[in-house]
Amino acid sequence: MNNPSTPKQRLEWPHHITDDILAPPRYDSPQEEPMYDDEEAHAPTAAGIGGRPAQQDSVTADDEKSFTSAWSPELGFPDPERVIRVWADPDLTVRKVRLSLNWRKKTEKYSLDQAFAAAFMLINATYLTDRYPLPEPDPLPVEPFQGPVGWHVFAQMTKERDRIQAAIDELGDVPPTRWVGAQSTGSACQNGVVIVLGIFGQPVAANFDPDWLDTDLSSREIDRAVMTAYRQARKAHQPPTVVFGERELLAREHDRLSRNLLASFRNGVRP
């Protein structure tokens, strides 16, 4: 049974949500797509770590106690107030979410947006850190100096090295090698909930329309809406690309210069 609705504080939508998402909600029309959970999302599971009880559709008081000892990602990522739990894989894919049965009581002074933000932050701190290291640019092909190695080779090498160093010195404050991508969003229930994913597809935010939350919703309905919005965001996600910094590209030229010299010794040494 749902607890009575309580007044909600007015929330500001983030600037990156597009105009179509900001359109006024319409609750009298059908949903964009059927609300369904992923496979076995609501199927009970056998007792697990430490005699953990079978899994429920929503977070119960007994489940909350499991967070106090021997927590592991398999138990779901909670928020500090135990409003929700989110299950996610090491590849940052969200598998399911569960709201507490008394989520309305718990969100009187702590919004559902904040609860999801905290759980998502825990997921990213656990799985995202060091998952996407910046690659280095591929080495340039070796071009040996002509003829046997002699003073003329060292003179050419010095000239090229000075040219590269001068170019590096002139760069100033330029962006380093970086990942470049865009966030993606997905919505459900006429923008009742909007899920935001980061450039790596990691969950970043869940933005709820307070008017939608004030309707007669069960925790399970919100669970399903969040997952529907999440799937839409995943469909819209485009993987990021690497943009190499100019400093790193010039360093690659310097590396090739050293390898050019080594390859030149195959031509012999001029007496």
Protein backbone atom coordinates (compact mmCIF):
# COMPACT_ATOMS: atom_id res chain seq x y z
CA MET A 1 0.00 0.00 0.00
CA ASN A 2 1.30 3.45 -0.85
CA ASN A 3 1.73 6.09 1.81
CA PRO A 4 -0.18 9.35 1.31
CA SER A 5 1.39 11.85 -1.07
CA THR A 6 3.30 14.70 0.46
CA PRO A 7 4.08 18.12 -1.00
CA LYS A 8 7.30 18.26 -2.95
CA GLN A 9 9.82 21.02 -3.25
CA ARG A 10 10.10 22.54 -6.70
CA LEU A 11 13.03 21.06 -8.61
CA GLU A 12 15.01 22.77 -11.36
CA TRP A 13 15.62 20.78 -14.53
CA PRO A 14 19.27 20.60 -15.62
CA HIS A 15 20.22 22.83 -18.53
CA HIS A 16 21.21 19.92 -20.75
CA ILE A 17 17.71 18.45 -20.90
CA THR A 18 16.34 19.28 -24.32
CA ASP A 19 13.19 21.27 -25.05
CA ASP A 20 11.20 18.23 -26.03
CA ILE A 21 11.98 16.62 -22.69
CA LEU A 22 10.95 19.81 -20.92
CA ALA A 23 7.54 19.77 -22.58
CA PRO A 24 4.61 19.73 -20.11
CA PRO A 25 3.79 16.19 -18.96
CA ARG A 26 0.61 14.52 -20.21
CA TYR A 27 -0.69 11.87 -17.87
CA ASP A 28 -3.87 11.06 -19.76
CA SER A 29 -2.14 9.51 -22.78
CA PRO A 30 -0.58 6.06 -23.24
CA GLN A 31 3.08 5.48 -22.39
CA GLU A 32 5.78 5.48 -25.05
CA GLU A 33 6.40 1.77 -24.59
CA PRO A 34 5.30 -1.08 -22.32
CA MET A 35 6.73 -0.90 -18.84
CA TYR A 36 8.66 -4.09 -18.32
CA ASP A 37 11.57 -5.24 -16.24
CA ASP A 38 14.61 -7.03 -17.52
CA GLU A 39 14.77 -10.81 -17.28
CA GLU A 40 14.18 -12.21 -13.83
CA ALA A 41 14.09 -8.70 -12.42
CA HIS A 42 11.37 -9.60 -9.96
CA ALA A 43 12.13 -13.30 -9.59
CA PRO A 44 13.04 -14.30 -6.02
CA THR A 45 16.55 -15.61 -5.52
CA ALA A 46 17.95 -18.18 -3.15
CA ALA A 47 19.50 -17.14 0.12
CA GLY A 48 22.95 -15.79 -0.52
CA ILE A 49 25.69 -14.04 1.39
CA GLY A 50 25.33 -14.44 5.12
CA GLY A 51 21.95 -16.10 4.87
CA ARG A 52 20.49 -13.11 3.03
CA PRO A 53 16.71 -13.45 2.53
CA ALA A 54 15.15 -14.04 -0.87
CA GLN A 55 15.10 -10.96 -3.07
CA GLN A 56 11.96 -8.81 -2.94
CA ASP A 57 10.37 -6.44 -5.44
CA SER A 58 11.29 -3.44 -3.28
CA VAL A 59 13.70 -2.57 -0.50
CA THR A 60 12.37 -3.81 2.84
CA ALA A 61 13.53 -3.23 6.39
CA ASP A 62 15.25 -6.63 6.45
CA ASP A 63 17.05 -5.82 3.22
CA GLU A 64 18.31 -2.54 4.65
CA LYS A 65 20.01 -4.37 7.50
CA SER A 66 22.11 -6.27 4.95
CA PHE A 67 23.86 -3.02 4.05
CA THR A 68 25.36 -2.68 7.50
CA SER A 69 27.66 -5.70 7.22
CA ALA A 70 29.47 -7.61 4.50
CA TRP A 71 28.16 -5.43 1.69
CA SER A 72 29.11 -6.33 -1.86
CA PRO A 73 27.96 -5.07 -5.28
CA GLU A 74 25.82 -8.18 -5.65
CA LEU A 75 23.57 -6.75 -2.92
CA GLY A 76 22.91 -3.61 -4.97
CA PHE A 77 24.29 -0.11 -4.65
CA PRO A 78 22.33 1.86 -2.02
CA ASP A 79 21.96 5.54 -1.31
CA PRO A 80 22.79 6.85 2.20
CA GLU A 81 19.12 6.99 3.24
CA ARG A 82 18.33 3.51 1.87
CA VAL A 83 15.63 4.85 -0.42
CA ILE A 84 16.80 2.79 -3.38
CA ARG A 85 19.14 0.06 -4.50
CA VAL A 86 20.63 -0.16 -7.98
CA TRP A 87 22.21 -3.29 -9.42
CA ALA A 88 24.92 -2.68 -12.00
CA ASP A 89 27.56 -4.80 -13.74
CA PRO A 90 31.28 -3.95 -13.85
CA ASP A 91 30.76 -2.70 -17.42
CA LEU A 92 28.46 -0.02 -15.90
CA THR A 93 25.26 -1.57 -17.26
CA VAL A 94 22.34 -1.04 -14.88
CA ARG A 95 20.37 -4.25 -14.49
CA LYS A 96 17.58 -3.25 -12.13
CA VAL A 97 16.50 -0.82 -9.45
CA ARG A 98 14.37 -1.19 -6.33
CA LEU A 99 12.67 1.50 -4.30
CA SER A 100 11.87 1.23 -0.63
CA LEU A 101 8.20 0.55 0.08
CA ASN A 102 8.12 3.69 2.24
CA TRP A 103 10.02 5.84 -0.24
CA ARG A 104 7.55 8.73 0.16
CA LYS A 105 8.33 9.00 3.85
CA LYS A 106 12.06 8.85 3.23
CA THR A 107 12.00 11.51 0.52
CA GLU A 108 10.20 14.18 2.52
CA LYS A 109 13.51 16.00 3.05
CA TYR A 110 15.69 13.99 0.67
CA SER A 111 14.65 13.89 -2.97
CA LEU A 112 14.49 10.83 -5.16
CA ASP A 113 16.84 12.63 -7.56
CA GLN A 114 19.42 12.85 -4.76
CA ALA A 115 18.97 9.19 -3.85
CA PHE A 116 19.70 8.04 -7.39
CA ALA A 117 22.60 10.48 -7.74
CA ALA A 118 24.22 9.00 -4.63
CA ALA A 119 23.74 5.40 -5.79
CA PHE A 120 25.06 6.23 -9.26
CA MET A 121 28.08 7.93 -7.73
CA LEU A 122 28.86 4.78 -5.75
CA ILE A 123 28.56 2.68 -8.91
CA ASN A 124 30.94 4.92 -10.81
CA ALA A 125 33.42 5.09 -7.94
CA THR A 126 33.45 1.29 -7.85
CA TYR A 127 33.53 0.46 -11.56
CA LEU A 128 34.45 3.57 -13.58
CA THR A 129 37.72 4.56 -11.90
CA ASP A 130 40.66 3.64 -14.15
CA ARG A 131 38.35 1.73 -16.51
CA TYR A 132 39.01 4.02 -19.47
CA PRO A 133 42.69 5.04 -19.45
CA LEU A 134 43.73 7.45 -22.15
CA PRO A 135 45.54 5.66 -24.99
CA GLU A 136 48.73 6.95 -26.54
CA PRO A 137 48.90 7.78 -30.24
CA ASP A 138 50.24 5.02 -32.47
CA PRO A 139 53.98 5.29 -33.16
CA LEU A 140 55.00 6.89 -36.42
CA PRO A 141 56.78 4.67 -38.97
CA VAL A 142 60.57 4.64 -38.79
CA GLU A 143 62.43 6.57 -41.50
CA PRO A 144 66.20 5.88 -41.28
CA PHE A 145 68.61 8.62 -42.29
CA GLN A 146 70.24 8.07 -45.65
CA GLY A 147 73.67 6.51 -45.84
CA PRO A 148 75.97 5.30 -43.09
CA VAL A 149 75.76 7.07 -39.74
CA GLY A 150 78.17 9.96 -39.53
CA TRP A 151 78.35 13.56 -38.40
CA HIS A 152 75.86 14.58 -41.08
CA VAL A 153 73.26 12.24 -39.52
CA PHE A 154 73.77 13.73 -36.07
CA ALA A 155 73.49 17.21 -37.57
CA GLN A 156 70.15 16.33 -39.23
CA MET A 157 68.91 14.76 -36.02
CA THR A 158 69.84 17.83 -33.98
CA LYS A 159 68.04 20.08 -36.44
CA GLU A 160 64.87 18.00 -36.29
CA ARG A 161 65.02 17.74 -32.50
CA ASP A 162 65.33 21.53 -32.19
CA ARG A 163 62.36 21.99 -34.52
CA ILE A 164 60.18 19.68 -32.44
CA GLN A 165 61.25 21.29 -29.18
CA ALA A 166 60.50 24.77 -30.54
CA ALA A 167 57.03 23.64 -31.57
CA ILE A 168 56.42 22.23 -28.09
CA ASP A 169 57.59 25.45 -26.45
CA GLU A 170 55.17 27.49 -28.59
CA LEU A 171 52.14 25.43 -27.63
CA GLY A 172 51.41 27.16 -24.36
CA ASP A 173 48.30 25.98 -22.53
CA VAL A 174 46.67 23.50 -24.92
CA PRO A 175 44.25 20.66 -24.10
CA PRO A 176 45.93 17.32 -23.44
CA THR A 177 44.79 14.01 -24.87
CA ARG A 178 41.19 13.50 -23.82
CA TRP A 179 37.99 11.54 -24.34
CA VAL A 180 35.35 13.48 -26.24
CA GLY A 181 31.70 12.50 -26.18
CA ALA A 182 28.21 13.58 -25.27
CA GLN A 183 25.74 12.65 -22.59
CA SER A 184 22.62 10.75 -23.59
CA THR A 185 19.14 10.88 -22.08
CA GLY A 186 16.08 8.69 -22.03
CA SER A 187 12.64 9.27 -20.59
CA ALA A 188 9.49 7.42 -19.61
CA CYS A 189 5.91 8.29 -18.63
CA GLN A 190 5.85 11.53 -20.62
CA ASN A 191 9.05 12.73 -18.97
CA GLY A 192 7.96 11.68 -15.52
CA VAL A 193 11.50 10.38 -15.19
CA VAL A 194 14.56 11.27 -17.29
CA ILE A 195 17.77 9.23 -17.03
CA VAL A 196 21.09 10.85 -17.94
CA LEU A 197 24.14 8.81 -18.95
CA GLY A 198 27.71 10.07 -19.14
CA ILE A 199 30.02 9.79 -22.13
CA PHE A 200 31.00 6.24 -21.20
CA GLY A 201 27.39 5.18 -20.76
CA GLN A 202 27.65 5.35 -16.99
CA PRO A 203 24.54 6.40 -15.05
CA VAL A 204 24.79 10.03 -13.96
CA ALA A 205 21.37 11.24 -12.89
CA ALA A 206 17.69 10.39 -12.59
CA ASN A 207 15.50 13.49 -12.83
CA PHE A 208 11.91 13.10 -11.68
CA ASP A 209 8.94 15.34 -12.38
CA PRO A 210 7.52 16.13 -8.91
CA ASP A 211 3.99 16.32 -10.35
CA TRP A 212 4.35 12.78 -11.66
CA LEU A 213 5.66 11.55 -8.31
CA ASP A 214 2.63 13.09 -6.60
CA THR A 215 0.30 10.79 -8.52
CA ASP A 216 -0.78 7.41 -7.17
CA LEU A 217 2.44 5.53 -7.93
CA SER A 218 3.76 2.35 -6.40
CA SER A 219 7.44 1.71 -5.89
CA ARG A 220 7.31 -1.02 -8.51
CA GLU A 221 5.86 1.37 -11.10
CA ILE A 222 8.74 3.75 -10.49
CA ASP A 223 11.22 0.87 -10.75
CA ARG A 224 9.84 0.01 -14.16
CA ALA A 225 9.74 3.62 -15.36
CA VAL A 226 13.39 4.14 -14.39
CA MET A 227 14.47 1.04 -16.29
CA THR A 228 12.41 2.05 -19.34
CA ALA A 229 14.05 5.48 -19.35
CA TYR A 230 17.45 3.86 -18.83
CA ARG A 231 16.98 1.62 -21.87
CA GLN A 232 16.08 4.63 -23.98
CA ALA A 233 19.22 6.43 -22.82
CA ARG A 234 21.33 3.38 -23.67
CA LYS A 235 19.89 3.29 -27.18
CA ALA A 236 20.82 6.94 -27.67
CA HIS A 237 24.35 6.56 -26.29
CA GLN A 238 27.28 6.96 -28.68
CA PRO A 239 30.75 5.81 -27.54
CA PRO A 240 33.29 8.58 -27.01
CA THR A 241 36.36 9.10 -29.15
CA VAL A 242 39.93 10.02 -28.26
CA VAL A 243 41.31 13.39 -29.32
CA PHE A 244 45.08 13.45 -28.98
CA GLY A 245 46.70 16.59 -27.64
CA GLU A 246 49.18 18.51 -29.76
CA ARG A 247 51.87 18.06 -27.12
CA GLU A 248 51.46 14.28 -27.20
CA LEU A 249 51.59 14.25 -31.00
CA LEU A 250 54.85 16.25 -31.01
CA ALA A 251 56.27 13.89 -28.38
CA ARG A 252 55.48 11.08 -30.81
CA GLU A 253 57.63 12.81 -33.43
CA HIS A 254 60.46 13.08 -30.93
CA ASP A 255 60.17 9.35 -30.23
CA ARG A 256 60.35 8.55 -33.93
CA LEU A 257 63.48 10.67 -34.27
CA SER A 258 65.27 8.47 -31.74
CA ARG A 259 64.10 5.30 -33.47
CA ASN A 260 65.20 6.72 -36.83
CA LEU A 261 68.74 7.05 -35.52
CA LEU A 262 68.81 3.50 -34.20
CA ALA A 263 67.52 2.15 -37.52
CA SER A 264 70.16 4.16 -39.38
CA PHE A 265 72.97 2.13 -37.81
CA ARG A 266 71.88 -0.74 -40.05
CA ASN A 267 73.43 1.26 -42.88
CA GLY A 268 76.80 1.12 -41.16
CA VAL A 269 78.99 3.82 -39.65
CA ARG A 270 80.97 6.29 -41.71
CA PRO A 271 84.65 6.28 -40.68
